[in-house]
């Protein structure tokens, strides 16, 4: 009498495990890409809101919102809250080699709240850019002495990971990140 055996061989089981692993890797890569695109879309939505608000403020007041940055800083963080984290001090959004380069500006926020009901949050979008350089959100600059950059006395800028297309603005890129700048005009 012949004994019947049934079941899977070790080779068949290994093939199934490899196929499941490949499918899981594809799903993880696709999920990360979707997350990045969603994060970029939220950032661009906030950028559009800030650009329109800045332009409306300029139209109503004949000047871009002015601010007095802390010593050593030239930029303002656009957004309502910038909590302290392991990479950022409270109300900071840009550090270069550990030195603060931009802070939340109550002057800019107050000016924008004259044309907006609330400020879009941008602090959730964080980019680690090399050793000791961290960015989050959208940055704003305006000239206090009439300085003109690319035909503008004000601009907003943001950074995205890698060499990507800017959703809005002029692109500058390197191996780590893409800087996108929207020049607002005179």
N, C-alpha and C. Protein backbone atom coordinates (compact mmCIF):
# COMPACT_ATOMS: atom_id res chain seq x y z
N UNK A 1 0.82 -1.15 0.00
CA UNK A 1 0.00 0.00 0.00
C UNK A 1 0.89 1.24 0.00
N UNK A 2 0.58 2.14 -0.87
CA UNK A 2 1.37 3.34 -1.04
C UNK A 2 0.80 4.45 -0.16
N UNK A 3 1.68 5.09 0.59
CA UNK A 3 1.27 6.14 1.49
C UNK A 3 1.27 7.47 0.71
N UNK A 4 0.19 8.22 0.81
CA UNK A 4 0.06 9.48 0.09
C UNK A 4 0.50 10.63 1.01
N UNK A 5 1.32 11.51 0.45
CA UNK A 5 1.74 12.68 1.22
C UNK A 5 1.23 13.93 0.53
N UNK A 6 0.82 14.85 1.30
CA UNK A 6 0.36 16.11 0.72
C UNK A 6 0.96 17.26 1.51
N UNK A 7 0.96 18.43 0.92
CA UNK A 7 1.54 19.60 1.55
C UNK A 7 2.42 20.33 0.56
N UNK A 8 3.12 21.32 1.09
CA UNK A 8 3.97 22.13 0.25
C UNK A 8 5.43 21.77 0.49
N UNK A 9 6.20 21.89 -0.54
CA UNK A 9 7.63 21.67 -0.38
C UNK A 9 8.26 22.95 0.14
N UNK A 10 9.46 22.83 0.65
CA UNK A 10 10.16 24.00 1.17
C UNK A 10 10.42 25.03 0.06
N UNK A 11 10.66 24.59 -1.15
CA UNK A 11 10.89 25.50 -2.28
C UNK A 11 9.63 26.30 -2.58
N UNK A 12 8.49 25.64 -2.57
CA UNK A 12 7.24 26.36 -2.82
C UNK A 12 6.98 27.41 -1.73
N UNK A 13 7.24 27.07 -0.48
CA UNK A 13 7.06 28.03 0.61
C UNK A 13 8.00 29.22 0.48
N UNK A 14 9.25 28.96 0.09
CA UNK A 14 10.21 30.03 -0.09
C UNK A 14 9.80 30.96 -1.22
N UNK A 15 9.28 30.42 -2.28
CA UNK A 15 8.82 31.23 -3.40
C UNK A 15 7.67 32.14 -2.96
N UNK A 16 6.74 31.61 -2.20
CA UNK A 16 5.63 32.41 -1.70
C UNK A 16 6.13 33.53 -0.79
N UNK A 17 7.07 33.22 0.07
CA UNK A 17 7.62 34.23 0.99
C UNK A 17 8.34 35.34 0.21
N UNK A 18 9.10 34.99 -0.81
CA UNK A 18 9.80 35.98 -1.63
C UNK A 18 8.80 36.87 -2.36
N UNK A 19 7.75 36.29 -2.93
CA UNK A 19 6.73 37.05 -3.65
C UNK A 19 6.04 38.03 -2.69
N UNK A 20 5.70 37.58 -1.49
CA UNK A 20 5.07 38.45 -0.50
C UNK A 20 6.02 39.59 -0.12
N UNK A 21 7.30 39.30 0.04
CA UNK A 21 8.29 40.32 0.36
C UNK A 21 8.41 41.37 -0.73
N UNK A 22 8.41 40.94 -1.98
CA UNK A 22 8.48 41.87 -3.11
C UNK A 22 7.24 42.76 -3.15
N UNK A 23 6.07 42.18 -2.96
CA UNK A 23 4.83 42.97 -2.96
C UNK A 23 4.82 43.97 -1.80
N UNK A 24 5.31 43.57 -0.63
CA UNK A 24 5.37 44.47 0.52
C UNK A 24 6.32 45.63 0.23
N UNK A 25 7.47 45.36 -0.38
CA UNK A 25 8.43 46.42 -0.71
C UNK A 25 7.81 47.41 -1.69
N UNK A 26 7.11 46.93 -2.68
CA UNK A 26 6.45 47.81 -3.66
C UNK A 26 5.40 48.67 -2.96
N UNK A 27 4.63 48.08 -2.06
CA UNK A 27 3.59 48.82 -1.34
C UNK A 27 4.21 49.91 -0.46
N UNK A 28 5.31 49.62 0.20
CA UNK A 28 5.96 50.61 1.08
C UNK A 28 6.49 51.78 0.25
N UNK A 29 7.13 51.49 -0.87
CA UNK A 29 7.65 52.55 -1.73
C UNK A 29 6.50 53.41 -2.26
N UNK A 30 5.43 52.79 -2.69
CA UNK A 30 4.28 53.54 -3.20
C UNK A 30 3.67 54.39 -2.09
N UNK A 31 3.57 53.87 -0.88
CA UNK A 31 3.00 54.61 0.24
C UNK A 31 3.86 55.84 0.57
N UNK A 32 5.17 55.66 0.60
CA UNK A 32 6.06 56.79 0.89
C UNK A 32 5.94 57.87 -0.18
N UNK A 33 5.82 57.48 -1.44
CA UNK A 33 5.64 58.45 -2.51
C UNK A 33 4.33 59.21 -2.37
N UNK A 34 3.29 58.52 -1.97
CA UNK A 34 1.99 59.16 -1.77
C UNK A 34 2.06 60.14 -0.61
N UNK A 35 2.73 59.75 0.46
CA UNK A 35 2.89 60.64 1.61
C UNK A 35 3.64 61.91 1.23
N UNK A 36 4.71 61.77 0.49
CA UNK A 36 5.50 62.93 0.07
C UNK A 36 4.68 63.85 -0.81
N UNK A 37 3.94 63.29 -1.77
CA UNK A 37 3.10 64.12 -2.65
C UNK A 37 2.00 64.83 -1.86
N UNK A 38 1.41 64.15 -0.88
CA UNK A 38 0.36 64.77 -0.06
C UNK A 38 0.95 65.91 0.77
N UNK A 39 2.11 65.68 1.34
CA UNK A 39 2.78 66.71 2.14
C UNK A 39 3.12 67.92 1.26
N UNK A 40 3.64 67.67 0.07
CA UNK A 40 3.95 68.77 -0.86
C UNK A 40 2.68 69.53 -1.26
N UNK A 41 1.59 68.81 -1.47
CA UNK A 41 0.32 69.46 -1.84
C UNK A 41 -0.17 70.37 -0.71
N UNK A 42 -0.06 69.91 0.55
CA UNK A 42 -0.46 70.75 1.69
C UNK A 42 0.43 72.01 1.76
N UNK A 43 1.72 71.82 1.54
CA UNK A 43 2.65 72.95 1.58
C UNK A 43 2.32 73.95 0.47
N UNK A 44 2.03 73.46 -0.74
CA UNK A 44 1.69 74.36 -1.86
C UNK A 44 0.37 75.08 -1.61
N UNK A 45 -0.57 74.43 -0.97
CA UNK A 45 -1.83 75.07 -0.63
C UNK A 45 -1.59 76.23 0.34
N UNK A 46 -0.75 75.98 1.36
CA UNK A 46 -0.40 77.04 2.31
C UNK A 46 0.36 78.15 1.59
N UNK A 47 1.26 77.79 0.69
CA UNK A 47 2.02 78.78 -0.07
C UNK A 47 1.09 79.69 -0.86
N UNK A 48 0.11 79.10 -1.55
CA UNK A 48 -0.85 79.89 -2.32
C UNK A 48 -1.62 80.85 -1.41
N UNK A 49 -2.03 80.36 -0.25
CA UNK A 49 -2.76 81.21 0.69
C UNK A 49 -1.90 82.38 1.14
N UNK A 50 -0.63 82.09 1.50
CA UNK A 50 0.26 83.16 1.94
C UNK A 50 0.58 84.14 0.82
N UNK A 51 0.79 83.63 -0.38
CA UNK A 51 1.09 84.54 -1.50
C UNK A 51 -0.09 85.49 -1.75
N UNK A 52 -1.30 84.96 -1.78
CA UNK A 52 -2.48 85.81 -2.00
C UNK A 52 -2.64 86.82 -0.87
N UNK A 53 -2.42 86.37 0.37
CA UNK A 53 -2.55 87.27 1.52
C UNK A 53 -1.51 88.38 1.47
N UNK A 54 -0.27 88.03 1.13
CA UNK A 54 0.78 89.04 1.04
C UNK A 54 0.47 90.06 -0.06
N UNK A 55 0.02 89.57 -1.20
CA UNK A 55 -0.32 90.48 -2.30
C UNK A 55 -1.52 91.38 -1.92
N UNK A 56 -2.50 90.81 -1.23
CA UNK A 56 -3.65 91.60 -0.81
C UNK A 56 -3.21 92.65 0.22
N UNK A 57 -2.36 92.27 1.15
CA UNK A 57 -1.84 93.22 2.13
C UNK A 57 -1.10 94.36 1.42
N UNK A 58 -0.28 94.01 0.44
CA UNK A 58 0.48 95.02 -0.32
C UNK A 58 -0.48 95.98 -1.03
N UNK A 59 -1.53 95.45 -1.62
CA UNK A 59 -2.51 96.28 -2.32
C UNK A 59 -3.19 97.25 -1.35
N UNK A 60 -3.55 96.76 -0.18
CA UNK A 60 -4.26 97.60 0.80
C UNK A 60 -3.35 98.60 1.51
N UNK A 61 -2.07 98.25 1.69
CA UNK A 61 -1.18 99.07 2.50
C UNK A 61 -0.02 99.70 1.74
N UNK A 62 0.07 99.44 0.45
CA UNK A 62 1.13 99.98 -0.42
C UNK A 62 2.54 99.59 0.04
N UNK A 63 2.65 98.51 0.80
CA UNK A 63 3.95 98.01 1.24
C UNK A 63 3.80 96.55 1.66
N UNK A 64 4.88 95.82 1.55
CA UNK A 64 4.89 94.44 2.04
C UNK A 64 4.95 94.46 3.56
N UNK A 65 4.45 93.42 4.23
CA UNK A 65 4.57 93.39 5.69
C UNK A 65 6.04 93.49 6.10
N UNK A 66 6.33 94.42 6.98
CA UNK A 66 7.71 94.61 7.45
C UNK A 66 7.91 93.82 8.75
N UNK A 67 9.14 93.49 9.03
CA UNK A 67 9.45 92.83 10.30
C UNK A 67 10.89 93.14 10.66
N UNK A 68 11.14 93.07 11.93
CA UNK A 68 12.49 93.27 12.45
C UNK A 68 12.96 91.92 12.97
N UNK A 69 13.80 91.24 12.19
CA UNK A 69 14.24 89.91 12.63
C UNK A 69 15.23 90.00 13.78
N UNK A 70 15.30 88.95 14.59
CA UNK A 70 16.32 88.92 15.63
C UNK A 70 17.72 89.03 15.01
N UNK A 71 18.67 89.46 15.78
CA UNK A 71 20.04 89.64 15.31
C UNK A 71 20.55 88.37 14.61
N UNK A 72 21.14 88.55 13.45
CA UNK A 72 21.71 87.43 12.70
C UNK A 72 20.72 86.72 11.79
N UNK A 73 19.46 87.07 11.86
CA UNK A 73 18.44 86.44 11.02
C UNK A 73 17.97 87.43 9.95
N UNK A 74 17.53 86.89 8.82
CA UNK A 74 17.03 87.75 7.74
C UNK A 74 15.66 87.32 7.25
N UNK A 75 15.17 86.17 7.69
CA UNK A 75 13.92 85.61 7.19
C UNK A 75 12.90 85.46 8.32
N UNK A 76 11.62 85.41 7.94
CA UNK A 76 10.55 85.14 8.90
C UNK A 76 9.87 83.83 8.52
N UNK A 77 9.48 83.06 9.52
CA UNK A 77 8.73 81.82 9.30
C UNK A 77 7.26 82.19 9.13
N UNK A 78 6.62 81.70 8.09
CA UNK A 78 5.20 81.94 7.90
C UNK A 78 4.42 80.79 8.52
N UNK A 79 3.55 81.10 9.45
CA UNK A 79 2.76 80.08 10.12
C UNK A 79 2.44 80.48 11.54
N UNK A 80 1.47 79.80 12.10
CA UNK A 80 1.01 80.16 13.43
C UNK A 80 1.87 79.63 14.56
N UNK A 81 2.21 78.36 14.52
CA UNK A 81 2.95 77.79 15.65
C UNK A 81 4.15 76.99 15.15
N UNK A 82 5.25 77.17 15.86
CA UNK A 82 6.47 76.44 15.58
C UNK A 82 6.99 75.91 16.92
N UNK A 83 6.46 74.75 17.33
CA UNK A 83 6.85 74.22 18.64
C UNK A 83 8.32 73.79 18.66
N UNK A 84 8.88 73.75 19.86
CA UNK A 84 10.25 73.27 20.02
C UNK A 84 10.29 71.77 19.75
N UNK A 85 11.32 71.33 19.05
CA UNK A 85 11.54 69.91 18.77
C UNK A 85 13.02 69.62 19.01
N UNK A 86 13.42 68.38 18.72
CA UNK A 86 14.83 68.04 18.88
C UNK A 86 15.71 68.79 17.88
N UNK A 87 15.14 69.25 16.75
CA UNK A 87 15.91 69.96 15.72
C UNK A 87 15.73 71.47 15.75
N UNK A 88 14.69 71.97 16.43
CA UNK A 88 14.37 73.39 16.39
C UNK A 88 14.07 73.94 17.78
N UNK A 89 14.51 75.17 18.01
CA UNK A 89 14.10 75.89 19.22
C UNK A 89 12.67 76.41 18.98
N UNK A 90 12.00 76.80 20.04
CA UNK A 90 10.65 77.34 19.96
C UNK A 90 10.61 78.53 19.00
N UNK A 91 9.61 78.52 18.11
CA UNK A 91 9.36 79.60 17.14
C UNK A 91 10.45 79.74 16.08
N UNK A 92 11.29 78.75 15.88
CA UNK A 92 12.33 78.78 14.85
C UNK A 92 11.94 77.81 13.73
N UNK A 93 12.32 78.17 12.49
CA UNK A 93 11.99 77.29 11.37
C UNK A 93 13.18 77.00 10.45
N UNK A 94 14.33 77.62 10.73
CA UNK A 94 15.47 77.41 9.84
C UNK A 94 16.74 77.56 10.67
N UNK A 95 17.51 76.48 10.73
CA UNK A 95 18.81 76.53 11.38
C UNK A 95 19.87 76.11 10.37
N UNK A 96 20.98 76.79 10.39
CA UNK A 96 22.10 76.51 9.49
C UNK A 96 23.31 76.21 10.36
N UNK A 97 23.76 74.97 10.30
CA UNK A 97 24.88 74.52 11.14
C UNK A 97 24.64 74.87 12.61
N UNK A 98 23.40 74.67 13.04
CA UNK A 98 23.04 74.88 14.44
C UNK A 98 22.74 76.31 14.82
N UNK A 99 22.88 77.28 13.89
CA UNK A 99 22.63 78.69 14.19
C UNK A 99 21.26 79.07 13.60
N UNK A 100 20.42 79.72 14.40
CA UNK A 100 19.09 80.12 13.94
C UNK A 100 19.19 81.14 12.81
N UNK A 101 18.43 80.91 11.75
CA UNK A 101 18.42 81.80 10.60
C UNK A 101 17.05 82.45 10.38
N UNK A 102 16.00 81.87 10.97
CA UNK A 102 14.65 82.42 10.79
C UNK A 102 13.78 82.08 11.98
N UNK A 103 12.92 83.04 12.34
CA UNK A 103 12.00 82.90 13.47
C UNK A 103 10.60 83.28 13.04
N UNK A 104 9.62 82.81 13.82
CA UNK A 104 8.25 83.27 13.64
C UNK A 104 8.22 84.76 13.96
N UNK A 105 7.51 85.53 13.14
CA UNK A 105 7.45 86.98 13.33
C UNK A 105 6.03 87.39 13.70
N UNK A 106 5.88 87.94 14.90
CA UNK A 106 4.56 88.42 15.31
C UNK A 106 4.14 89.61 14.44
N UNK A 107 5.12 90.39 13.94
CA UNK A 107 4.82 91.52 13.06
C UNK A 107 4.18 91.04 11.76
N UNK A 108 4.79 90.03 11.13
CA UNK A 108 4.26 89.50 9.87
C UNK A 108 2.92 88.82 10.12
N UNK A 109 2.85 88.02 11.19
CA UNK A 109 1.58 87.33 11.49
C UNK A 109 0.45 88.33 11.72
N UNK A 110 0.71 89.38 12.48
CA UNK A 110 -0.32 90.40 12.73
C UNK A 110 -0.75 91.07 11.42
N UNK A 111 0.20 91.37 10.56
CA UNK A 111 -0.12 91.98 9.27
C UNK A 111 -0.99 91.05 8.43
N UNK A 112 -0.61 89.77 8.39
CA UNK A 112 -1.37 88.81 7.58
C UNK A 112 -2.77 88.56 8.15
N UNK A 113 -2.90 88.64 9.46
CA UNK A 113 -4.22 88.42 10.06
C UNK A 113 -5.19 89.56 9.78
N UNK A 114 -4.71 90.65 9.18
CA UNK A 114 -5.63 91.70 8.74
C UNK A 114 -6.33 91.31 7.44
N UNK A 115 -5.79 90.34 6.72
CA UNK A 115 -6.41 89.89 5.46
C UNK A 115 -6.77 88.40 5.48
N UNK A 116 -6.37 87.68 6.53
CA UNK A 116 -6.70 86.26 6.68
C UNK A 116 -7.45 86.05 8.00
N UNK A 117 -8.32 85.06 8.02
CA UNK A 117 -9.00 84.75 9.29
C UNK A 117 -8.13 83.88 10.19
N UNK A 118 -7.26 83.08 9.60
CA UNK A 118 -6.28 82.30 10.37
C UNK A 118 -5.07 82.01 9.49
N UNK A 119 -3.97 81.66 10.13
CA UNK A 119 -2.73 81.40 9.41
C UNK A 119 -2.60 79.90 9.12
N UNK A 120 -2.38 79.52 7.87
CA UNK A 120 -2.15 78.10 7.58
C UNK A 120 -0.89 77.61 8.31
N UNK A 121 -0.97 76.42 8.85
CA UNK A 121 0.17 75.84 9.56
C UNK A 121 1.14 75.24 8.55
N UNK A 122 2.42 75.48 8.76
CA UNK A 122 3.44 74.94 7.86
C UNK A 122 4.55 74.22 8.61
N UNK A 123 4.51 74.25 9.94
CA UNK A 123 5.60 73.68 10.74
C UNK A 123 5.72 72.17 10.57
N UNK A 124 4.67 71.50 10.14
CA UNK A 124 4.70 70.05 10.00
C UNK A 124 5.58 69.57 8.85
N UNK A 125 5.92 70.44 7.94
CA UNK A 125 6.76 70.06 6.80
C UNK A 125 8.20 70.36 7.17
N UNK A 126 8.96 69.31 7.49
CA UNK A 126 10.34 69.46 7.96
C UNK A 126 11.30 68.78 7.00
N UNK A 127 12.43 69.42 6.77
CA UNK A 127 13.46 68.89 5.88
C UNK A 127 14.81 68.98 6.58
N UNK A 128 15.47 67.85 6.72
CA UNK A 128 16.83 67.85 7.24
C UNK A 128 17.75 67.95 6.04
N UNK A 129 18.53 69.00 6.03
CA UNK A 129 19.31 69.36 4.85
C UNK A 129 20.78 69.34 5.20
N UNK A 130 21.36 68.16 5.23
CA UNK A 130 22.77 68.04 5.57
C UNK A 130 23.00 68.10 7.06
N UNK A 131 24.23 68.25 7.44
CA UNK A 131 24.61 68.24 8.85
C UNK A 131 24.30 69.57 9.51
N UNK A 132 23.37 69.56 10.47
CA UNK A 132 23.07 70.75 11.25
C UNK A 132 22.17 71.76 10.59
N UNK A 133 21.67 71.48 9.40
CA UNK A 133 20.77 72.41 8.72
C UNK A 133 19.39 71.79 8.64
N UNK A 134 18.42 72.47 9.21
CA UNK A 134 17.04 71.97 9.25
C UNK A 134 16.10 73.09 8.85
N UNK A 135 15.08 72.74 8.11
CA UNK A 135 14.09 73.71 7.64
C UNK A 135 12.70 73.16 7.90
N UNK A 136 11.77 74.07 8.16
CA UNK A 136 10.37 73.67 8.22
C UNK A 136 9.49 74.83 7.79
N UNK A 137 8.50 74.51 7.00
CA UNK A 137 7.54 75.51 6.58
C UNK A 137 7.97 76.38 5.42
N UNK A 138 7.46 77.60 5.42
CA UNK A 138 7.67 78.57 4.35
C UNK A 138 8.35 79.80 4.95
N UNK A 139 9.32 80.33 4.23
CA UNK A 139 10.09 81.48 4.70
C UNK A 139 9.69 82.73 3.92
N UNK A 140 9.74 83.89 4.60
CA UNK A 140 9.37 85.17 3.99
C UNK A 140 10.51 86.16 4.20
N UNK A 141 10.76 86.97 3.17
CA UNK A 141 11.76 88.03 3.24
C UNK A 141 11.17 89.27 2.61
N UNK A 142 11.41 90.41 3.23
CA UNK A 142 11.06 91.69 2.58
C UNK A 142 12.19 92.67 2.85
N UNK A 143 12.39 93.54 1.92
CA UNK A 143 13.47 94.52 1.99
C UNK A 143 13.06 95.70 2.86
N UNK A 144 13.91 96.03 3.80
CA UNK A 144 13.65 97.21 4.61
C UNK A 144 14.40 98.42 4.04
N UNK A 145 15.46 98.17 3.27
CA UNK A 145 16.25 99.27 2.74
C UNK A 145 16.11 99.44 1.24
N UNK A 146 15.08 98.84 0.64
CA UNK A 146 14.88 98.98 -0.79
C UNK A 146 15.71 98.01 -1.62
N UNK A 147 16.31 97.03 -0.97
CA UNK A 147 17.09 96.03 -1.71
C UNK A 147 16.18 95.28 -2.68
N UNK A 148 16.67 95.07 -3.88
CA UNK A 148 15.89 94.37 -4.91
C UNK A 148 16.59 93.07 -5.26
N UNK A 149 15.86 91.97 -5.19
CA UNK A 149 16.36 90.66 -5.58
C UNK A 149 15.44 90.12 -6.67
N UNK A 150 16.01 89.82 -7.83
CA UNK A 150 15.24 89.34 -8.98
C UNK A 150 14.01 90.22 -9.27
N UNK A 151 14.19 91.52 -9.21
CA UNK A 151 13.10 92.44 -9.50
C UNK A 151 12.06 92.54 -8.41
N UNK A 152 12.35 92.03 -7.22
CA UNK A 152 11.37 92.02 -6.13
C UNK A 152 11.96 92.62 -4.86
N UNK A 153 11.09 93.22 -4.08
CA UNK A 153 11.48 93.67 -2.76
C UNK A 153 10.91 92.75 -1.68
N UNK A 154 10.31 91.63 -2.11
CA UNK A 154 9.80 90.62 -1.17
C UNK A 154 9.72 89.28 -1.89
N UNK A 155 9.92 88.22 -1.14
CA UNK A 155 9.75 86.88 -1.71
C UNK A 155 9.39 85.89 -0.62
N UNK A 156 8.84 84.74 -1.05
CA UNK A 156 8.60 83.61 -0.16
C UNK A 156 9.30 82.41 -0.77
N UNK A 157 9.81 81.54 0.09
CA UNK A 157 10.55 80.39 -0.39
C UNK A 157 10.25 79.17 0.46
N UNK A 158 10.38 78.00 -0.13
CA UNK A 158 10.20 76.74 0.58
C UNK A 158 11.16 75.72 -0.02
N UNK A 159 11.37 74.64 0.68
CA UNK A 159 12.30 73.59 0.26
C UNK A 159 11.57 72.26 0.19
N UNK A 160 11.95 71.44 -0.80
CA UNK A 160 11.43 70.08 -0.90
C UNK A 160 12.60 69.12 -1.06
N UNK A 161 12.39 67.89 -0.60
CA UNK A 161 13.44 66.88 -0.59
C UNK A 161 13.84 66.49 -2.01
N UNK A 162 15.15 66.37 -2.26
CA UNK A 162 15.67 65.87 -3.53
C UNK A 162 15.55 66.88 -4.66
N UNK A 163 15.84 66.40 -5.86
CA UNK A 163 15.77 67.23 -7.07
C UNK A 163 14.39 67.02 -7.69
N UNK A 164 13.47 67.91 -7.37
CA UNK A 164 12.09 67.78 -7.83
C UNK A 164 11.66 69.05 -8.55
N UNK A 165 10.52 68.97 -9.18
CA UNK A 165 9.93 70.13 -9.82
C UNK A 165 9.24 70.97 -8.76
N UNK A 166 9.44 72.27 -8.83
CA UNK A 166 8.74 73.18 -7.92
C UNK A 166 7.28 73.26 -8.34
N UNK A 167 6.40 73.13 -7.38
CA UNK A 167 4.98 73.33 -7.67
C UNK A 167 4.71 74.78 -8.03
N UNK A 168 5.47 75.68 -7.41
CA UNK A 168 5.38 77.11 -7.68
C UNK A 168 6.75 77.70 -7.45
N UNK A 169 7.11 78.68 -8.22
CA UNK A 169 8.33 79.42 -7.97
C UNK A 169 9.52 79.00 -8.81
N UNK A 170 10.59 79.76 -8.62
CA UNK A 170 11.85 79.53 -9.33
C UNK A 170 12.66 78.46 -8.60
N UNK A 171 13.20 77.53 -9.36
CA UNK A 171 13.89 76.37 -8.79
C UNK A 171 15.39 76.59 -8.70
N UNK A 172 15.94 76.20 -7.55
CA UNK A 172 17.38 76.07 -7.36
C UNK A 172 17.56 74.73 -6.67
N UNK A 173 18.49 73.92 -7.15
CA UNK A 173 18.61 72.58 -6.60
C UNK A 173 20.05 72.19 -6.37
N UNK A 174 20.23 71.23 -5.49
CA UNK A 174 21.52 70.57 -5.31
C UNK A 174 21.21 69.10 -5.02
N UNK A 175 22.18 68.36 -4.56
CA UNK A 175 22.01 66.91 -4.38
C UNK A 175 21.00 66.56 -3.30
N UNK A 176 20.75 67.46 -2.35
CA UNK A 176 19.91 67.12 -1.20
C UNK A 176 18.50 67.66 -1.33
N UNK A 177 18.35 68.89 -1.80
CA UNK A 177 17.03 69.52 -1.77
C UNK A 177 16.84 70.49 -2.94
N UNK A 178 15.60 70.83 -3.15
CA UNK A 178 15.22 71.84 -4.13
C UNK A 178 14.64 73.03 -3.38
N UNK A 179 15.15 74.21 -3.67
CA UNK A 179 14.64 75.45 -3.12
C UNK A 179 13.73 76.08 -4.17
N UNK A 180 12.54 76.47 -3.77
CA UNK A 180 11.59 77.08 -4.68
C UNK A 180 11.24 78.46 -4.13
N UNK A 181 11.44 79.50 -4.95
CA UNK A 181 11.23 80.87 -4.50
C UNK A 181 10.21 81.57 -5.40
N UNK A 182 9.22 82.19 -4.77
CA UNK A 182 8.22 83.00 -5.47
C UNK A 182 8.56 84.45 -5.18
N UNK A 183 8.99 85.18 -6.22
CA UNK A 183 9.31 86.60 -6.10
C UNK A 183 8.01 87.37 -6.22
N UNK A 184 7.71 88.21 -5.23
CA UNK A 184 6.41 88.87 -5.15
C UNK A 184 6.34 90.19 -5.93
N UNK A 185 7.45 90.81 -6.22
CA UNK A 185 7.46 92.06 -6.98
C UNK A 185 7.88 93.23 -6.13
N UNK A 186 7.68 94.42 -6.69
CA UNK A 186 8.12 95.66 -6.02
C UNK A 186 7.11 96.14 -5.01
